[in-house]
C-alpha atoms as a PDB file:
ATOM      1  CA  UNK A   1      83.880  19.577-276.921  1.00  0.00           C
ATOM      2  CA  UNK A   2      84.881  15.992-276.264  1.00  0.00           C
ATOM      3  CA  UNK A   3      87.231  14.473-273.563  1.00  0.00           C
ATOM      4  CA  UNK A   4      89.605  13.344-276.819  1.00  0.00           C
ATOM      5  CA  UNK A   5      89.815  16.848-277.896  1.00  0.00           C
ATOM      6  CA  UNK A   6      90.328  17.911-274.676  1.00  0.00           C
ATOM      7  CA  UNK A   7      93.609  14.952-273.836  1.00  0.00           C
ATOM      8  CA  UNK A   8      95.151  16.859-277.341  1.00  0.00           C
ATOM      9  CA  UNK A   9      95.696  20.177-276.122  1.00  0.00           C
ATOM     10  CA  UNK A  10      98.612  21.338-274.401  1.00  0.00           C
ATOM     11  CA  UNK A  11      98.861  22.314-271.113  1.00  0.00           C
ATOM     12  CA  UNK A  12      99.661  25.852-270.196  1.00  0.00           C
ATOM     13  CA  UNK A  13     101.124  27.470-267.254  1.00  0.00           C
ATOM     14  CA  UNK A  14      98.590  29.187-265.672  1.00  0.00           C
ATOM     15  CA  UNK A  15     100.030  32.402-264.956  1.00  0.00           C
ATOM     16  CA  UNK A  16     100.896  32.153-269.183  1.00  0.00           C
ATOM     17  CA  UNK A  17      98.954  34.899-271.161  1.00  0.00           C
ATOM     18  CA  UNK A  18      97.683  32.242-273.594  1.00  0.00           C
ATOM     19  CA  UNK A  19      95.931  30.758-270.669  1.00  0.00           C
ATOM     20  CA  UNK A  20      93.843  33.972-270.005  1.00  0.00           C
ATOM     21  CA  UNK A  21      90.440  33.672-272.390  1.00  0.00           C
ATOM     22  CA  UNK A  22      90.233  36.362-275.220  1.00  0.00           C
ATOM     23  CA  UNK A  23      87.404  38.821-273.689  1.00  0.00           C
ATOM     24  CA  UNK A  24      84.690  40.527-276.164  1.00  0.00           C
ATOM     25  CA  UNK A  25      82.087  43.122-275.354  1.00  0.00           C
ATOM     26  CA  UNK A  26      79.224  41.713-277.017  1.00  0.00           C
ATOM     27  CA  UNK A  27      77.932  44.919-277.947  1.00  0.00           C
ATOM     28  CA  UNK A  28      80.759  45.504-279.855  1.00  0.00           C
ATOM     29  CA  UNK A  29      80.229  42.040-281.839  1.00  0.00           C
ATOM     30  CA  UNK A  30      77.015  43.336-282.710  1.00  0.00           C
ATOM     31  CA  UNK A  31      77.326  46.856-283.087  1.00  0.00           C
ATOM     32  CA  UNK A  32      74.244  48.664-284.429  1.00  0.00           C
ATOM     33  CA  UNK A  33      72.845  45.408-285.891  1.00  0.00           C
ATOM     34  CA  UNK A  34      70.201  43.147-284.300  1.00  0.00           C
ATOM     35  CA  UNK A  35      72.605  40.045-283.982  1.00  0.00           C
ATOM     36  CA  UNK A  36      76.240  39.122-285.104  1.00  0.00           C
ATOM     37  CA  UNK A  37      76.726  35.438-287.022  1.00  0.00           C
ATOM     38  CA  UNK A  38      79.176  33.619-285.248  1.00  0.00           C
ATOM     39  CA  UNK A  39      81.223  30.256-287.305  1.00  0.00           C
ATOM     40  CA  UNK A  40      82.650  27.429-285.432  1.00  0.00           C
ATOM     41  CA  UNK A  41      83.509  24.448-287.054  1.00  0.00           C
ATOM     42  CA  UNK A  42      81.460  24.946-290.358  1.00  0.00           C
ATOM     43  CA  UNK A  43      78.445  25.961-288.502  1.00  0.00           C
ATOM     44  CA  UNK A  44      76.268  29.194-288.204  1.00  0.00           C
ATOM     45  CA  UNK A  45      75.499  30.616-284.754  1.00  0.00           C
ATOM     46  CA  UNK A  46      73.640  33.712-284.164  1.00  0.00           C
ATOM     47  CA  UNK A  47      74.620  35.894-281.237  1.00  0.00           C
ATOM     48  CA  UNK A  48      71.927  38.291-280.441  1.00  0.00           C
ATOM     49  CA  UNK A  49      71.172  40.876-277.819  1.00  0.00           C
ATOM     50  CA  UNK A  50      66.995  40.439-276.255  1.00  0.00           C
ATOM     51  CA  UNK A  51      65.112  43.252-275.807  1.00  0.00           C
ATOM     52  CA  UNK A  52      65.776  42.537-272.267  1.00  0.00           C
ATOM     53  CA  UNK A  53      69.201  42.983-272.566  1.00  0.00           C
ATOM     54  CA  UNK A  54      69.651  39.055-272.461  1.00  0.00           C
ATOM     55  CA  UNK A  55      72.745  37.285-274.678  1.00  0.00           C
ATOM     56  CA  UNK A  56      71.250  34.264-276.255  1.00  0.00           C
ATOM     57  CA  UNK A  57      73.377  31.965-278.539  1.00  0.00           C
ATOM     58  CA  UNK A  58      71.935  29.700-280.921  1.00  0.00           C
ATOM     59  CA  UNK A  59      72.342  27.269-283.955  1.00  0.00           C
END
């Protein structure tokens, strides 16, 4: 994210619920599949859990 985009975001009080990031369990996103596809800004990203239980996000 560029500095310009950061400056456009509204300031939120640190205690507000909107300030806290959403949490997801990777295994729930991927479920029984090998990977999950995540779309962001018109691009596809692959989220997968390796055989060594590492989380990998690739474009």
